[in-house]
């Protein structure tokens, strides 16, 4: 994909994510009947298909997979991965990229917590006891999307080996999709919670890419960051 097409795709992705985020926020805030019907239809479908699965390793291979991704695809895991990645980048002297990742994941997570407190939405009535806190937006969905989007839009495009790059894309997409699916499978969230968290994560990462691209020249002038290797965030 050429630079111009990639830039255009990111812009349209941001626009679509913004529309989805606003749609879910208004639906939750204003208790719009149409949005409630969507949530109810999705909830009933999962209930009919999987009933009320327990998060353990005694419900078959599919339940085992869902349990794994739900247990380890949480906010803490992605925060630790972000910190570990940032440390590796600091060692390799990519100081600006390290700061960008920490800021993107950190502030994105904080924004999610603020929105949960603002919307104050209760979880589905039969959610697992391990799932606590408010429901909108989904924390698992937001945090996994932040990391997935950083990998897909910032890290993976730099891979020169096409086969390796394609394999990585598929693995990340499958893991990401599995985490999102698990939130509905275990009745941890409504569909709009997952859509809202995902849209917020996509919009946040792509927005932070452009912000990082704009402020990098100024940050390079700071004494502590002058020796930082430059990692291009945007293709424009």
Protein backbone atom coordinates (compact mmCIF):
# COMPACT_ATOMS: atom_id res chain seq x y z
CA UNK A 1 0.00 0.00 0.00
CA UNK A 2 1.48 3.37 -1.01
CA UNK A 3 1.91 6.26 1.40
CA UNK A 4 -0.99 8.34 0.07
CA UNK A 5 -3.47 5.45 0.26
CA UNK A 6 -2.34 4.49 3.75
CA UNK A 7 -2.75 8.05 4.99
CA UNK A 8 -6.23 8.23 3.46
CA UNK A 9 -7.18 4.87 5.00
CA UNK A 10 -6.14 6.08 8.46
CA UNK A 11 -8.20 9.26 8.09
CA UNK A 12 -11.31 7.31 7.09
CA UNK A 13 -10.69 4.85 9.91
CA UNK A 14 -10.57 7.74 12.37
CA UNK A 15 -13.80 9.17 10.98
CA UNK A 16 -15.59 5.83 11.20
CA UNK A 17 -14.27 5.22 14.73
CA UNK A 18 -15.44 8.67 15.80
CA UNK A 19 -18.93 7.98 14.43
CA UNK A 20 -19.12 4.62 16.24
CA UNK A 21 -17.85 6.15 19.49
CA UNK A 22 -20.35 9.00 19.38
CA UNK A 23 -23.16 6.59 18.47
CA UNK A 24 -22.44 4.32 21.43
CA UNK A 25 -21.91 7.21 23.85
CA UNK A 26 -25.19 8.87 22.91
CA UNK A 27 -26.99 5.54 22.97
CA UNK A 28 -25.78 4.78 26.49
CA UNK A 29 -26.20 8.33 27.80
CA UNK A 30 -29.64 9.00 26.35
CA UNK A 31 -30.93 5.43 26.72
CA UNK A 32 -31.90 5.34 23.05
CA UNK A 33 -34.31 2.49 22.40
CA UNK A 34 -32.69 1.41 19.13
CA UNK A 35 -29.30 1.04 20.82
CA UNK A 36 -30.87 -0.88 23.69
CA UNK A 37 -32.44 -3.29 21.18
CA UNK A 38 -29.06 -3.88 19.56
CA UNK A 39 -27.51 -4.68 22.94
CA UNK A 40 -30.40 -6.92 23.90
CA UNK A 41 -30.33 -8.79 20.58
CA UNK A 42 -26.59 -9.41 20.87
CA UNK A 43 -26.92 -10.47 24.52
CA UNK A 44 -29.74 -12.90 23.72
CA UNK A 45 -27.79 -14.39 20.81
CA UNK A 46 -24.77 -15.11 22.99
CA UNK A 47 -27.05 -16.47 25.70
CA UNK A 48 -28.73 -18.86 23.24
CA UNK A 49 -25.46 -19.95 21.66
CA UNK A 50 -23.31 -20.37 24.76
CA UNK A 51 -25.74 -20.02 27.71
CA UNK A 52 -23.80 -18.82 30.80
CA UNK A 53 -20.24 -20.13 30.50
CA UNK A 54 -17.93 -20.18 33.50
CA UNK A 55 -14.40 -18.81 33.19
CA UNK A 56 -12.57 -22.08 33.85
CA UNK A 57 -10.83 -24.89 32.01
CA UNK A 58 -13.54 -27.53 32.26
CA UNK A 59 -16.00 -26.38 29.61
CA UNK A 60 -14.39 -27.65 26.41
CA UNK A 61 -11.64 -26.37 24.13
CA UNK A 62 -13.48 -23.22 23.03
CA UNK A 63 -14.27 -22.23 26.60
CA UNK A 64 -10.62 -22.86 27.49
CA UNK A 65 -9.50 -20.44 24.76
CA UNK A 66 -11.99 -17.81 25.89
CA UNK A 67 -10.84 -18.24 29.48
CA UNK A 68 -7.20 -17.75 28.48
CA UNK A 69 -7.78 -14.59 26.45
CA UNK A 70 -10.16 -13.16 29.07
CA UNK A 71 -7.74 -13.90 31.92
CA UNK A 72 -4.55 -12.64 30.29
CA UNK A 73 -5.95 -10.11 27.82
CA UNK A 74 -6.80 -7.66 30.59
CA UNK A 75 -5.71 -4.11 31.31
CA UNK A 76 -2.84 -5.08 33.63
CA UNK A 77 -1.30 -7.39 31.03
CA UNK A 78 -1.25 -4.68 28.38
CA UNK A 79 0.11 -2.08 30.79
CA UNK A 80 2.98 -4.42 31.69
CA UNK A 81 3.60 -5.15 27.99
CA UNK A 82 3.72 -1.41 27.30
CA UNK A 83 6.23 -0.83 30.08
CA UNK A 84 8.38 -3.76 28.94
CA UNK A 85 8.30 -2.52 25.35
CA UNK A 86 9.17 1.01 26.45
CA UNK A 87 12.18 -0.25 28.42
CA UNK A 88 13.46 -2.19 25.39
CA UNK A 89 13.08 0.90 23.22
CA UNK A 90 14.97 3.02 25.76
CA UNK A 91 17.85 0.53 25.70
CA UNK A 92 17.85 0.81 21.89
CA UNK A 93 17.81 4.64 22.24
CA UNK A 94 14.33 5.13 20.76
CA UNK A 95 13.48 7.51 23.61
CA UNK A 96 10.77 9.45 21.79
CA UNK A 97 8.97 6.30 20.61
CA UNK A 98 9.16 4.89 24.13
CA UNK A 99 7.58 8.03 25.59
CA UNK A 100 4.93 8.01 22.86
CA UNK A 101 3.89 4.43 23.64
CA UNK A 102 3.71 5.10 27.38
CA UNK A 103 1.70 8.29 26.81
CA UNK A 104 -0.64 6.64 24.30
CA UNK A 105 -1.42 3.62 26.47
CA UNK A 106 -1.35 5.51 29.78
CA UNK A 107 -3.55 8.46 28.87
CA UNK A 108 -5.80 6.26 26.73
CA UNK A 109 -6.40 4.03 29.75
CA UNK A 110 -7.05 7.02 32.00
CA UNK A 111 -9.59 8.35 29.51
CA UNK A 112 -11.36 5.00 29.60
CA UNK A 113 -11.55 5.10 33.40
CA UNK A 114 -12.95 8.65 33.30
CA UNK A 115 -15.62 7.63 30.79
CA UNK A 116 -16.62 4.67 32.95
CA UNK A 117 -17.15 7.03 35.88
CA UNK A 118 -19.05 9.53 33.73
CA UNK A 119 -21.45 7.06 32.12
CA UNK A 120 -21.82 4.94 35.24
CA UNK A 121 -23.31 2.04 33.25
CA UNK A 122 -24.03 -1.24 35.01
CA UNK A 123 -22.81 -4.53 33.56
CA UNK A 124 -25.16 -7.29 32.34
CA UNK A 125 -27.06 -8.78 35.27
CA UNK A 126 -25.41 -12.22 34.98
CA UNK A 127 -21.80 -11.14 34.52
CA UNK A 128 -19.03 -13.05 36.28
CA UNK A 129 -18.15 -11.95 39.81
CA UNK A 130 -14.56 -11.43 38.70
CA UNK A 131 -15.72 -8.60 36.43
CA UNK A 132 -16.11 -5.48 38.56
CA UNK A 133 -16.57 -1.78 37.90
CA UNK A 134 -18.74 -0.02 35.39
CA UNK A 135 -19.44 -1.34 31.92
CA UNK A 136 -18.94 1.44 29.35
CA UNK A 137 -16.48 1.48 27.70
CA UNK A 138 -15.03 -2.02 28.01
CA UNK A 139 -11.55 -1.85 29.59
CA UNK A 140 -10.42 -5.11 27.96
CA UNK A 141 -11.57 -3.84 24.57
CA UNK A 142 -9.89 -0.46 25.00
CA UNK A 143 -6.55 -1.76 26.29
CA UNK A 144 -6.28 -4.59 23.74
CA UNK A 145 -7.17 -2.17 20.94
CA UNK A 146 -4.52 0.32 22.05
CA UNK A 147 -1.78 -2.32 21.89
CA UNK A 148 -3.12 -3.99 18.74
CA UNK A 149 -3.31 -0.67 16.90
CA UNK A 150 0.20 0.32 18.00
CA UNK A 151 1.52 -2.98 16.66
CA UNK A 152 -0.56 -2.95 13.46
CA UNK A 153 -0.13 0.70 12.48
CA UNK A 154 3.27 1.61 13.94
CA UNK A 155 5.45 -1.46 14.48
CA UNK A 156 4.45 -4.06 11.87
CA UNK A 157 4.68 -1.77 8.78
CA UNK A 158 8.44 -1.48 9.45
CA UNK A 159 8.93 -5.23 8.92
CA UNK A 160 10.64 -5.73 5.54
CA UNK A 161 9.83 -9.46 5.30
CA UNK A 162 6.34 -9.64 3.77
CA UNK A 163 5.63 -13.19 4.96
CA UNK A 164 6.63 -12.33 8.53
CA UNK A 165 4.63 -9.11 8.41
CA UNK A 166 1.51 -10.89 7.13
CA UNK A 167 1.82 -13.64 9.75
CA UNK A 168 2.17 -11.06 12.50
CA UNK A 169 -0.87 -9.15 11.21
CA UNK A 170 -3.01 -12.30 11.27
CA UNK A 171 -1.86 -13.39 14.74
CA UNK A 172 -2.47 -9.95 16.25
CA UNK A 173 -5.89 -9.65 14.58
CA UNK A 174 -6.98 -13.11 15.78
CA UNK A 175 -5.83 -12.48 19.36
CA UNK A 176 -7.42 -9.03 19.39
CA UNK A 177 -10.71 -10.35 18.00
CA UNK A 178 -10.70 -13.20 20.52
CA UNK A 179 -10.36 -10.79 23.43
CA UNK A 180 -13.24 -8.66 22.15
CA UNK A 181 -15.39 -11.76 21.60
CA UNK A 182 -14.64 -13.05 25.10
CA UNK A 183 -16.20 -9.95 26.69
CA UNK A 184 -19.52 -10.85 25.10
CA UNK A 185 -19.07 -14.60 25.52
CA UNK A 186 -18.75 -14.26 29.31
CA UNK A 187 -21.52 -11.61 29.49
CA UNK A 188 -18.97 -9.15 30.88
CA UNK A 189 -20.23 -6.33 28.65
CA UNK A 190 -22.93 -5.26 26.27
CA UNK A 191 -22.12 -5.01 22.57
CA UNK A 192 -22.00 -1.20 22.68
CA UNK A 193 -19.46 -1.37 25.53
CA UNK A 194 -17.14 -3.40 23.32
CA UNK A 195 -17.78 -1.25 20.25
CA UNK A 196 -17.23 1.92 22.25
CA UNK A 197 -13.97 0.68 23.79
CA UNK A 198 -12.69 -0.51 20.42
CA UNK A 199 -13.61 2.71 18.61
CA UNK A 200 -12.03 4.81 21.35
CA UNK A 201 -8.82 2.78 21.19
CA UNK A 202 -8.53 3.05 17.40
CA UNK A 203 -9.31 6.77 17.39
CA UNK A 204 -6.90 7.45 20.24
CA UNK A 205 -3.90 5.64 18.72
CA UNK A 206 -4.33 7.15 15.26
CA UNK A 207 -4.85 10.59 16.78
CA UNK A 208 -1.76 10.20 18.95
CA UNK A 209 0.24 9.21 15.87
CA UNK A 210 -0.46 12.58 14.29
CA UNK A 211 0.16 14.45 17.53
CA UNK A 212 3.46 12.61 18.01
CA UNK A 213 4.43 13.39 14.42
CA UNK A 214 3.78 17.10 14.98
CA UNK A 215 5.59 17.51 18.29
CA UNK A 216 8.62 15.28 17.58
CA UNK A 217 10.69 18.15 16.05
CA UNK A 218 10.19 20.20 19.23
CA UNK A 219 10.92 17.30 21.59
CA UNK A 220 14.15 16.56 19.72
CA UNK A 221 15.48 19.91 20.87
CA UNK A 222 15.25 18.95 24.54
CA UNK A 223 18.68 18.07 26.02
CA UNK A 224 17.59 14.63 27.27
CA UNK A 225 16.09 13.64 23.93
CA UNK A 226 18.65 15.00 21.46
CA UNK A 227 20.32 11.62 21.10
CA UNK A 228 17.07 9.77 20.52
CA UNK A 229 16.79 7.70 17.35
CA UNK A 230 13.87 8.83 15.23
CA UNK A 231 11.06 6.41 14.47
CA UNK A 232 8.59 7.82 11.96
CA UNK A 233 5.04 7.48 13.26
CA UNK A 234 3.21 8.82 10.23
CA UNK A 235 3.68 8.03 6.58
CA UNK A 236 2.75 11.51 5.43
